[in-house]
Amino acid sequence: MKYITGFGRFWYDFIVGDDWRIAVLVLGALALVFVLAHHAMNVWWLLPIVVFVALAISLLRETRKR
């Protein structure tokens, strides 16, 4: 049981990390791209844009703290 708990904690820390908002934003973008691609829309370019915006938001938030 200890190994399963450790495995779960590792993946939680790996995906969520320091900011849960970024993880939610990226997972939401992945879901949106999946749904739109399922309906035969070519939206592969949306995910890199969302990741770039999420990175910019995270950097702005961290630099304002200091």
N, C-alpha and C. Protein backbone atom coordinates (compact mmCIF):
# COMPACT_ATOMS: atom_id res chain seq x y z
N MET A 1 0.82 -1.19 0.00
CA MET A 1 0.00 0.00 0.00
C MET A 1 0.87 1.26 0.00
N LYS A 2 2.02 1.17 0.66
CA LYS A 2 2.93 2.32 0.74
C LYS A 2 3.42 2.71 -0.65
N TYR A 3 3.66 1.72 -1.51
CA TYR A 3 4.16 2.00 -2.85
C TYR A 3 3.08 2.65 -3.72
N ILE A 4 1.86 2.23 -3.56
CA ILE A 4 0.76 2.82 -4.33
C ILE A 4 0.55 4.27 -3.92
N THR A 5 0.60 4.54 -2.63
CA THR A 5 0.46 5.92 -2.15
C THR A 5 1.60 6.79 -2.65
N GLY A 6 2.81 6.27 -2.61
CA GLY A 6 3.96 7.01 -3.11
C GLY A 6 3.87 7.28 -4.60
N PHE A 7 3.38 6.30 -5.35
CA PHE A 7 3.20 6.45 -6.79
C PHE A 7 2.17 7.54 -7.09
N GLY A 8 1.07 7.52 -6.35
CA GLY A 8 0.04 8.55 -6.54
C GLY A 8 0.54 9.94 -6.18
N ARG A 9 1.28 10.03 -5.10
CA ARG A 9 1.84 11.33 -4.70
C ARG A 9 2.84 11.85 -5.72
N PHE A 10 3.64 10.95 -6.30
CA PHE A 10 4.59 11.36 -7.32
C PHE A 10 3.86 11.97 -8.51
N TRP A 11 2.83 11.28 -9.02
CA TRP A 11 2.13 11.78 -10.20
C TRP A 11 1.38 13.06 -9.90
N TYR A 12 0.81 13.19 -8.69
CA TYR A 12 0.15 14.43 -8.32
C TYR A 12 1.15 15.58 -8.30
N ASP A 13 2.29 15.36 -7.69
CA ASP A 13 3.31 16.40 -7.62
C ASP A 13 3.87 16.70 -9.01
N PHE A 14 4.00 15.69 -9.85
CA PHE A 14 4.54 15.89 -11.20
C PHE A 14 3.58 16.68 -12.07
N ILE A 15 2.29 16.40 -12.00
CA ILE A 15 1.31 17.07 -12.85
C ILE A 15 0.92 18.42 -12.27
N VAL A 16 0.58 18.47 -11.01
CA VAL A 16 0.11 19.71 -10.40
C VAL A 16 1.29 20.61 -10.06
N GLY A 17 2.31 20.07 -9.44
CA GLY A 17 3.48 20.86 -9.10
C GLY A 17 3.18 21.95 -8.10
N ASP A 18 3.66 23.15 -8.39
CA ASP A 18 3.49 24.27 -7.48
C ASP A 18 2.20 25.04 -7.67
N ASP A 19 1.62 24.98 -8.86
CA ASP A 19 0.45 25.81 -9.15
C ASP A 19 -0.64 24.97 -9.79
N TRP A 20 -1.70 24.73 -9.05
CA TRP A 20 -2.79 23.89 -9.55
C TRP A 20 -3.55 24.58 -10.67
N ARG A 21 -3.52 25.90 -10.71
CA ARG A 21 -4.26 26.63 -11.75
C ARG A 21 -3.69 26.34 -13.14
N ILE A 22 -2.38 26.26 -13.23
CA ILE A 22 -1.73 25.96 -14.51
C ILE A 22 -2.10 24.55 -14.95
N ALA A 23 -2.10 23.60 -14.03
CA ALA A 23 -2.46 22.22 -14.38
C ALA A 23 -3.90 22.15 -14.87
N VAL A 24 -4.81 22.86 -14.23
CA VAL A 24 -6.21 22.87 -14.66
C VAL A 24 -6.34 23.50 -16.03
N LEU A 25 -5.63 24.59 -16.27
CA LEU A 25 -5.69 25.27 -17.56
C LEU A 25 -5.18 24.37 -18.69
N VAL A 26 -4.07 23.71 -18.47
CA VAL A 26 -3.50 22.84 -19.50
C VAL A 26 -4.37 21.61 -19.72
N LEU A 27 -4.88 21.01 -18.65
CA LEU A 27 -5.76 19.85 -18.82
C LEU A 27 -7.07 20.24 -19.50
N GLY A 28 -7.58 21.43 -19.20
CA GLY A 28 -8.77 21.91 -19.89
C GLY A 28 -8.52 22.13 -21.37
N ALA A 29 -7.35 22.67 -21.70
CA ALA A 29 -6.99 22.86 -23.10
C ALA A 29 -6.84 21.53 -23.81
N LEU A 30 -6.25 20.55 -23.13
CA LEU A 30 -6.13 19.21 -23.73
C LEU A 30 -7.51 18.62 -24.01
N ALA A 31 -8.43 18.78 -23.07
CA ALA A 31 -9.78 18.26 -23.27
C ALA A 31 -10.48 18.98 -24.42
N LEU A 32 -10.32 20.30 -24.49
CA LEU A 32 -10.94 21.07 -25.57
C LEU A 32 -10.38 20.68 -26.92
N VAL A 33 -9.07 20.53 -27.02
CA VAL A 33 -8.45 20.11 -28.28
C VAL A 33 -8.92 18.71 -28.66
N PHE A 34 -9.05 17.83 -27.68
CA PHE A 34 -9.53 16.47 -27.96
C PHE A 34 -10.95 16.50 -28.52
N VAL A 35 -11.82 17.25 -27.88
CA VAL A 35 -13.22 17.31 -28.32
C VAL A 35 -13.32 17.93 -29.71
N LEU A 36 -12.62 19.02 -29.94
CA LEU A 36 -12.67 19.67 -31.24
C LEU A 36 -12.04 18.81 -32.33
N ALA A 37 -10.98 18.11 -32.02
CA ALA A 37 -10.36 17.21 -33.00
C ALA A 37 -11.27 16.02 -33.30
N HIS A 38 -12.02 15.59 -32.31
CA HIS A 38 -12.96 14.49 -32.51
C HIS A 38 -14.06 14.90 -33.51
N HIS A 39 -14.36 16.18 -33.55
CA HIS A 39 -15.36 16.70 -34.49
C HIS A 39 -14.71 17.21 -35.77
N ALA A 40 -13.56 16.67 -36.10
CA ALA A 40 -12.85 16.93 -37.36
C ALA A 40 -12.44 18.38 -37.54
N MET A 41 -12.05 19.03 -36.46
CA MET A 41 -11.54 20.39 -36.54
C MET A 41 -10.03 20.34 -36.34
N ASN A 42 -9.31 21.12 -37.11
CA ASN A 42 -7.85 21.15 -37.04
C ASN A 42 -7.42 22.25 -36.06
N VAL A 43 -7.28 21.88 -34.80
CA VAL A 43 -6.97 22.86 -33.75
C VAL A 43 -5.72 22.49 -32.97
N TRP A 44 -4.77 21.84 -33.61
CA TRP A 44 -3.54 21.45 -32.93
C TRP A 44 -2.77 22.65 -32.41
N TRP A 45 -2.92 23.80 -33.05
CA TRP A 45 -2.19 25.01 -32.71
C TRP A 45 -2.68 25.64 -31.40
N LEU A 46 -3.85 25.24 -30.94
CA LEU A 46 -4.42 25.84 -29.73
C LEU A 46 -3.63 25.47 -28.48
N LEU A 47 -3.17 24.25 -28.39
CA LEU A 47 -2.47 23.79 -27.18
C LEU A 47 -1.16 24.53 -26.93
N PRO A 48 -0.28 24.74 -27.93
CA PRO A 48 0.93 25.52 -27.64
C PRO A 48 0.63 26.95 -27.22
N ILE A 49 -0.41 27.54 -27.76
CA ILE A 49 -0.78 28.90 -27.36
C ILE A 49 -1.23 28.93 -25.90
N VAL A 50 -2.05 27.96 -25.51
CA VAL A 50 -2.52 27.91 -24.11
C VAL A 50 -1.35 27.67 -23.16
N VAL A 51 -0.43 26.81 -23.53
CA VAL A 51 0.74 26.55 -22.68
C VAL A 51 1.60 27.80 -22.55
N PHE A 52 1.78 28.53 -23.65
CA PHE A 52 2.56 29.77 -23.60
C PHE A 52 1.88 30.80 -22.71
N VAL A 53 0.57 30.96 -22.84
CA VAL A 53 -0.18 31.92 -22.01
C VAL A 53 -0.12 31.50 -20.54
N ALA A 54 -0.25 30.21 -20.26
CA ALA A 54 -0.18 29.73 -18.89
C ALA A 54 1.20 30.01 -18.29
N LEU A 55 2.25 29.81 -19.07
CA LEU A 55 3.59 30.12 -18.60
C LEU A 55 3.75 31.61 -18.32
N ALA A 56 3.23 32.45 -19.21
CA ALA A 56 3.31 33.90 -19.01
C ALA A 56 2.56 34.33 -17.76
N ILE A 57 1.37 33.78 -17.55
CA ILE A 57 0.59 34.12 -16.36
C ILE A 57 1.34 33.70 -15.10
N SER A 58 1.90 32.50 -15.12
CA SER A 58 2.64 32.01 -13.96
C SER A 58 3.86 32.88 -13.66
N LEU A 59 4.59 33.26 -14.70
CA LEU A 59 5.76 34.11 -14.50
C LEU A 59 5.38 35.49 -13.98
N LEU A 60 4.32 36.06 -14.52
CA LEU A 60 3.87 37.37 -14.03
C LEU A 60 3.44 37.30 -12.57
N ARG A 61 2.74 36.24 -12.21
CA ARG A 61 2.28 36.11 -10.83
C ARG A 61 3.47 35.96 -9.87
N GLU A 62 4.48 35.19 -10.28
CA GLU A 62 5.65 34.99 -9.41
C GLU A 62 6.51 36.23 -9.30
N THR A 63 6.65 36.99 -10.38
CA THR A 63 7.49 38.19 -10.32
C THR A 63 6.81 39.30 -9.52
N ARG A 64 5.51 39.31 -9.47
CA ARG A 64 4.81 40.32 -8.67
C ARG A 64 4.89 40.04 -7.18
N LYS A 65 5.14 38.79 -6.80
CA LYS A 65 5.25 38.43 -5.39
C LYS A 65 6.51 39.02 -4.77
N ARG A 66 7.53 39.22 -5.55
CA ARG A 66 8.84 39.60 -5.02
C ARG A 66 9.02 41.06 -5.00
